Amino acid sequence: MTKLTSIEAEFATTERAEAYDAWLRSEIEASLADPRPSIPHDHVMAELCAIIAAKKSSQA
């Protein structure tokens, strides 16, 4: 059996690590090819903070 790198060691086998790598690369390629405009990080974080705050206040 091939010695796994620290990243691959998270997976049971080298084959699973390679399958994950292929999947991740296809997801990244699809994201980069997406023609929709990007959403600024600050905007996304503001929306998430509002969602979290609303959830916390509804549980109080």
PDB file of N, CA and C in Angstrom:
ATOM      1  N   MET A   1       0.847  -1.182   0.000  1.00  0.00           N
ATOM      2  CA  MET A   1       0.000   0.000   0.000  1.00  0.00           C
ATOM      3  C   MET A   1       0.888   1.240   0.000  1.00  0.00           C
ATOM      4  N   THR A   2       0.498   2.237  -0.750  1.00  0.00           N
ATOM      5  CA  THR A   2       1.255   3.474  -0.858  1.00  0.00           C
ATOM      6  C   THR A   2       1.096   4.295   0.422  1.00  0.00           C
ATOM      7  N   LYS A   3       2.179   4.936   0.837  1.00  0.00           N
ATOM      8  CA  LYS A   3       2.107   5.809   2.010  1.00  0.00           C
ATOM      9  C   LYS A   3       1.294   7.044   1.638  1.00  0.00           C
ATOM     10  N   LEU A   4       0.313   7.374   2.474  1.00  0.00           N
ATOM     11  CA  LEU A   4      -0.555   8.511   2.204  1.00  0.00           C
ATOM     12  C   LEU A   4       0.036   9.790   2.778  1.00  0.00           C
ATOM     13  N   THR A   5      -0.158  10.898   2.058  1.00  0.00           N
ATOM     14  CA  THR A   5       0.251  12.201   2.582  1.00  0.00           C
ATOM     15  C   THR A   5      -0.706  12.582   3.700  1.00  0.00           C
ATOM     16  N   SER A   6      -0.394  13.650   4.437  1.00  0.00           N
ATOM     17  CA  SER A   6      -1.253  14.059   5.538  1.00  0.00           C
ATOM     18  C   SER A   6      -2.656  14.436   5.059  1.00  0.00           C
ATOM     19  N   ILE A   7      -2.758  14.974   3.866  1.00  0.00           N
ATOM     20  CA  ILE A   7      -4.079  15.319   3.325  1.00  0.00           C
ATOM     21  C   ILE A   7      -4.821  14.046   2.941  1.00  0.00           C
ATOM     22  N   GLU A   8      -4.142  13.137   2.267  1.00  0.00           N
ATOM     23  CA  GLU A   8      -4.783  11.889   1.858  1.00  0.00           C
ATOM     24  C   GLU A   8      -5.148  11.016   3.053  1.00  0.00           C
ATOM     25  N   ALA A   9      -4.436  11.159   4.140  1.00  0.00           N
ATOM     26  CA  ALA A   9      -4.668  10.320   5.312  1.00  0.00           C
ATOM     27  C   ALA A   9      -6.069  10.521   5.883  1.00  0.00           C
ATOM     28  N   GLU A  10      -6.731  11.594   5.514  1.00  0.00           N
ATOM     29  CA  GLU A  10      -8.102  11.824   5.956  1.00  0.00           C
ATOM     30  C   GLU A  10      -9.059  10.840   5.277  1.00  0.00           C
ATOM     31  N   PHE A  11      -8.614  10.201   4.219  1.00  0.00           N
ATOM     32  CA  PHE A  11      -9.431   9.265   3.455  1.00  0.00           C
ATOM     33  C   PHE A  11      -8.962   7.840   3.710  1.00  0.00           C
ATOM     34  N   ALA A  12      -9.866   6.892   3.566  1.00  0.00           N
ATOM     35  CA  ALA A  12      -9.539   5.496   3.847  1.00  0.00           C
ATOM     36  C   ALA A  12      -8.515   4.925   2.866  1.00  0.00           C
ATOM     37  N   THR A  13      -8.580   5.367   1.616  1.00  0.00           N
ATOM     38  CA  THR A  13      -7.672   4.830   0.601  1.00  0.00           C
ATOM     39  C   THR A  13      -7.192   5.938  -0.323  1.00  0.00           C
ATOM     40  N   THR A  14      -6.134   5.659  -1.045  1.00  0.00           N
ATOM     41  CA  THR A  14      -5.646   6.607  -2.046  1.00  0.00           C
ATOM     42  C   THR A  14      -6.703   6.833  -3.111  1.00  0.00           C
ATOM     43  N   GLU A  15      -7.439   5.791  -3.463  1.00  0.00           N
ATOM     44  CA  GLU A  15      -8.480   5.905  -4.480  1.00  0.00           C
ATOM     45  C   GLU A  15      -9.567   6.892  -4.043  1.00  0.00           C
ATOM     46  N   ARG A  16      -9.939   6.827  -2.764  1.00  0.00           N
ATOM     47  CA  ARG A  16     -10.951   7.771  -2.265  1.00  0.00           C
ATOM     48  C   ARG A  16     -10.417   9.200  -2.276  1.00  0.00           C
ATOM     49  N   ALA A  17      -9.144   9.358  -1.939  1.00  0.00           N
ATOM     50  CA  ALA A  17      -8.536  10.683  -1.969  1.00  0.00           C
ATOM     51  C   ALA A  17      -8.514  11.215  -3.397  1.00  0.00           C
ATOM     52  N   GLU A  18      -8.181  10.362  -4.356  1.00  0.00           N
ATOM     53  CA  GLU A  18      -8.155  10.775  -5.760  1.00  0.00           C
ATOM     54  C   GLU A  18      -9.552  11.105  -6.263  1.00  0.00           C
ATOM     55  N   ALA A  19     -10.546  10.328  -5.848  1.00  0.00           N
ATOM     56  CA  ALA A  19     -11.933  10.590  -6.253  1.00  0.00           C
ATOM     57  C   ALA A  19     -12.395  11.938  -5.691  1.00  0.00           C
ATOM     58  N   TYR A  20     -12.050  12.205  -4.444  1.00  0.00           N
ATOM     59  CA  TYR A  20     -12.415  13.488  -3.838  1.00  0.00           C
ATOM     60  C   TYR A  20     -11.729  14.632  -4.576  1.00  0.00           C
ATOM     61  N   ASP A  21     -10.453  14.456  -4.901  1.00  0.00           N
ATOM     62  CA  ASP A  21      -9.702  15.477  -5.615  1.00  0.00           C
ATOM     63  C   ASP A  21     -10.347  15.775  -6.966  1.00  0.00           C
ATOM     64  N   ALA A  22     -10.742  14.731  -7.681  1.00  0.00           N
ATOM     65  CA  ALA A  22     -11.398  14.916  -8.985  1.00  0.00           C
ATOM     66  C   ALA A  22     -12.714  15.655  -8.815  1.00  0.00           C
ATOM     67  N   TRP A  23     -13.494  15.279  -7.801  1.00  0.00           N
ATOM     68  CA  TRP A  23     -14.779  15.945  -7.553  1.00  0.00           C
ATOM     69  C   TRP A  23     -14.552  17.420  -7.224  1.00  0.00           C
ATOM     70  N   LEU A  24     -13.598  17.692  -6.332  1.00  0.00           N
ATOM     71  CA  LEU A  24     -13.338  19.071  -5.929  1.00  0.00           C
ATOM     72  C   LEU A  24     -12.897  19.911  -7.119  1.00  0.00           C
ATOM     73  N   ARG A  25     -12.018  19.368  -7.940  1.00  0.00           N
ATOM     74  CA  ARG A  25     -11.563  20.102  -9.121  1.00  0.00           C
ATOM     75  C   ARG A  25     -12.728  20.414 -10.066  1.00  0.00           C
ATOM     76  N   SER A  26     -13.650  19.474 -10.241  1.00  0.00           N
ATOM     77  CA  SER A  26     -14.798  19.733 -11.122  1.00  0.00           C
ATOM     78  C   SER A  26     -15.713  20.802 -10.533  1.00  0.00           C
ATOM     79  N   GLU A  27     -15.866  20.802  -9.208  1.00  0.00           N
ATOM     80  CA  GLU A  27     -16.671  21.842  -8.550  1.00  0.00           C
ATOM     81  C   GLU A  27     -16.037  23.219  -8.735  1.00  0.00           C
ATOM     82  N   ILE A  28     -14.732  23.291  -8.601  1.00  0.00           N
ATOM     83  CA  ILE A  28     -14.025  24.568  -8.766  1.00  0.00           C
ATOM     84  C   ILE A  28     -14.133  25.042 -10.203  1.00  0.00           C
ATOM     85  N   GLU A  29     -13.941  24.146 -11.165  1.00  0.00           N
ATOM     86  CA  GLU A  29     -14.055  24.515 -12.575  1.00  0.00           C
ATOM     87  C   GLU A  29     -15.451  25.039 -12.879  1.00  0.00           C
ATOM     88  N   ALA A  30     -16.475  24.367 -12.356  1.00  0.00           N
ATOM     89  CA  ALA A  30     -17.856  24.804 -12.580  1.00  0.00           C
ATOM     90  C   ALA A  30     -18.085  26.183 -11.966  1.00  0.00           C
ATOM     91  N   SER A  31     -17.533  26.411 -10.800  1.00  0.00           N
ATOM     92  CA  SER A  31     -17.693  27.703 -10.133  1.00  0.00           C
ATOM     93  C   SER A  31     -17.016  28.815 -10.932  1.00  0.00           C
ATOM     94  N   LEU A  32     -15.807  28.545 -11.408  1.00  0.00           N
ATOM     95  CA  LEU A  32     -15.090  29.547 -12.186  1.00  0.00           C
ATOM     96  C   LEU A  32     -15.783  29.844 -13.518  1.00  0.00           C
ATOM     97  N   ALA A  33     -16.472  28.854 -14.077  1.00  0.00           N
ATOM     98  CA  ALA A  33     -17.157  29.029 -15.356  1.00  0.00           C
ATOM     99  C   ALA A  33     -18.545  29.655 -15.196  1.00  0.00           C
ATOM    100  N   ASP A  34     -19.030  29.778 -13.970  1.00  0.00           N
ATOM    101  CA  ASP A  34     -20.357  30.321 -13.707  1.00  0.00           C
ATOM    102  C   ASP A  34     -20.406  31.795 -14.125  1.00  0.00           C
ATOM    103  N   PRO A  35     -21.319  32.158 -15.028  1.00  0.00           N
ATOM    104  CA  PRO A  35     -21.361  33.534 -15.521  1.00  0.00           C
ATOM    105  C   PRO A  35     -22.041  34.531 -14.575  1.00  0.00           C
ATOM    106  N   ARG A  36     -22.681  34.024 -13.526  1.00  0.00           N
ATOM    107  CA  ARG A  36     -23.362  34.947 -12.609  1.00  0.00           C
ATOM    108  C   ARG A  36     -22.343  35.820 -11.879  1.00  0.00           C
ATOM    109  N   PRO A  37     -22.747  37.042 -11.526  1.00  0.00           N
ATOM    110  CA  PRO A  37     -21.809  37.920 -10.815  1.00  0.00           C
ATOM    111  C   PRO A  37     -21.499  37.383  -9.425  1.00  0.00           C
ATOM    112  N   SER A  38     -20.301  37.672  -8.954  1.00  0.00           N
ATOM    113  CA  SER A  38     -19.887  37.253  -7.623  1.00  0.00           C
ATOM    114  C   SER A  38     -20.623  38.075  -6.570  1.00  0.00           C
ATOM    115  N   ILE A  39     -20.758  37.512  -5.376  1.00  0.00           N
ATOM    116  CA  ILE A  39     -21.352  38.229  -4.261  1.00  0.00           C
ATOM    117  C   ILE A  39     -20.208  38.603  -3.326  1.00  0.00           C
ATOM    118  N   PRO A  40     -20.087  39.877  -2.976  1.00  0.00           N
ATOM    119  CA  PRO A  40     -18.995  40.292  -2.091  1.00  0.00           C
ATOM    120  C   PRO A  40     -19.057  39.575  -0.741  1.00  0.00           C
ATOM    121  N   HIS A  41     -17.898  39.238  -0.205  1.00  0.00           N
ATOM    122  CA  HIS A  41     -17.787  38.528   1.059  1.00  0.00           C
ATOM    123  C   HIS A  41     -18.526  39.267   2.180  1.00  0.00           C
ATOM    124  N   ASP A  42     -18.355  40.579   2.253  1.00  0.00           N
ATOM    125  CA  ASP A  42     -18.994  41.366   3.313  1.00  0.00           C
ATOM    126  C   ASP A  42     -20.518  41.254   3.251  1.00  0.00           C
ATOM    127  N   HIS A  43     -21.054  41.206   2.046  1.00  0.00           N
ATOM    128  CA  HIS A  43     -22.506  41.088   1.870  1.00  0.00           C
ATOM    129  C   HIS A  43     -23.000  39.736   2.380  1.00  0.00           C
ATOM    130  N   VAL A  44     -22.304  38.694   2.018  1.00  0.00           N
ATOM    131  CA  VAL A  44     -22.674  37.342   2.458  1.00  0.00           C
ATOM    132  C   VAL A  44     -22.587  37.250   3.980  1.00  0.00           C
ATOM    133  N   MET A  45     -21.508  37.754   4.553  1.00  0.00           N
ATOM    134  CA  MET A  45     -21.334  37.689   6.001  1.00  0.00           C
ATOM    135  C   MET A  45     -22.406  38.486   6.734  1.00  0.00           C
ATOM    136  N   ALA A  46     -22.798  39.630   6.198  1.00  0.00           N
ATOM    137  CA  ALA A  46     -23.857  40.431   6.823  1.00  0.00           C
ATOM    138  C   ALA A  46     -25.171  39.653   6.822  1.00  0.00           C
ATOM    139  N   GLU A  47     -25.473  38.992   5.709  1.00  0.00           N
ATOM    140  CA  GLU A  47     -26.696  38.186   5.635  1.00  0.00           C
ATOM    141  C   GLU A  47     -26.654  37.034   6.638  1.00  0.00           C
ATOM    142  N   LEU A  48     -25.518  36.356   6.724  1.00  0.00           N
ATOM    143  CA  LEU A  48     -25.397  35.245   7.668  1.00  0.00           C
ATOM    144  C   LEU A  48     -25.501  35.712   9.117  1.00  0.00           C
ATOM    145  N   CYS A  49     -24.896  36.839   9.430  1.00  0.00           N
ATOM    146  CA  CYS A  49     -24.991  37.378  10.792  1.00  0.00           C
ATOM    147  C   CYS A  49     -26.442  37.704  11.140  1.00  0.00           C
ATOM    148  N   ALA A  50     -27.192  38.233  10.190  1.00  0.00           N
ATOM    149  CA  ALA A  50     -28.605  38.544  10.410  1.00  0.00           C
ATOM    150  C   ALA A  50     -29.398  37.259  10.654  1.00  0.00           C
ATOM    151  N   ILE A  51     -29.112  36.222   9.893  1.00  0.00           N
ATOM    152  CA  ILE A  51     -29.798  34.937  10.065  1.00  0.00           C
ATOM    153  C   ILE A  51     -29.495  34.358  11.446  1.00  0.00           C
ATOM    154  N   ILE A  52     -28.231  34.401  11.836  1.00  0.00           N
ATOM    155  CA  ILE A  52     -27.822  33.867  13.153  1.00  0.00           C
ATOM    156  C   ILE A  52     -28.480  34.662  14.273  1.00  0.00           C
ATOM    157  N   ALA A  53     -28.462  35.986  14.158  1.00  0.00           N
ATOM    158  CA  ALA A  53     -29.071  36.833  15.186  1.00  0.00           C
ATOM    159  C   ALA A  53     -30.570  36.550  15.304  1.00  0.00           C
ATOM    160  N   ALA A  54     -31.248  36.380  14.179  1.00  0.00           N
ATOM    161  CA  ALA A  54     -32.678  36.104  14.197  1.00  0.00           C
ATOM    162  C   ALA A  54     -32.944  34.752  14.859  1.00  0.00           C
ATOM    163  N   LYS A  55     -32.105  33.772  14.577  1.00  0.00           N
ATOM    164  CA  LYS A  55     -32.261  32.444  15.167  1.00  0.00           C
ATOM    165  C   LYS A  55     -32.052  32.498  16.684  1.00  0.00           C
ATOM    166  N   LYS A  56     -31.015  33.249  17.105  1.00  0.00           N
ATOM    167  CA  LYS A  56     -30.739  33.360  18.532  1.00  0.00           C
ATOM    168  C   LYS A  56     -31.881  34.067  19.259  1.00  0.00           C
ATOM    169  N   SER A  57     -32.422  35.127  18.657  1.00  0.00           N
ATOM    170  CA  SER A  57     -33.491  35.859  19.327  1.00  0.00           C
ATOM    171  C   SER A  57     -34.791  35.053  19.380  1.00  0.00           C
ATOM    172  N   SER A  58     -34.991  34.169  18.407  1.00  0.00           N
ATOM    173  CA  SER A  58     -36.211  33.345  18.422  1.00  0.00           C
ATOM    174  C   SER A  58     -36.109  32.224  19.437  1.00  0.00           C
ATOM    175  N   GLN A  59     -34.888  31.862  19.825  1.00  0.00           N
ATOM    176  CA  GLN A  59     -34.679  30.795  20.816  1.00  0.00           C
ATOM    177  C   GLN A  59     -34.627  31.331  22.247  1.00  0.00           C
ATOM    178  N   ALA A  60     -34.502  32.644  22.384  1.00  0.00           N
ATOM    179  CA  ALA A  60     -34.385  33.243  23.724  1.00  0.00           C
ATOM    180  C   ALA A  60     -35.717  33.316  24.449  1.00  0.00           C
TER     181      ALA A  60
END
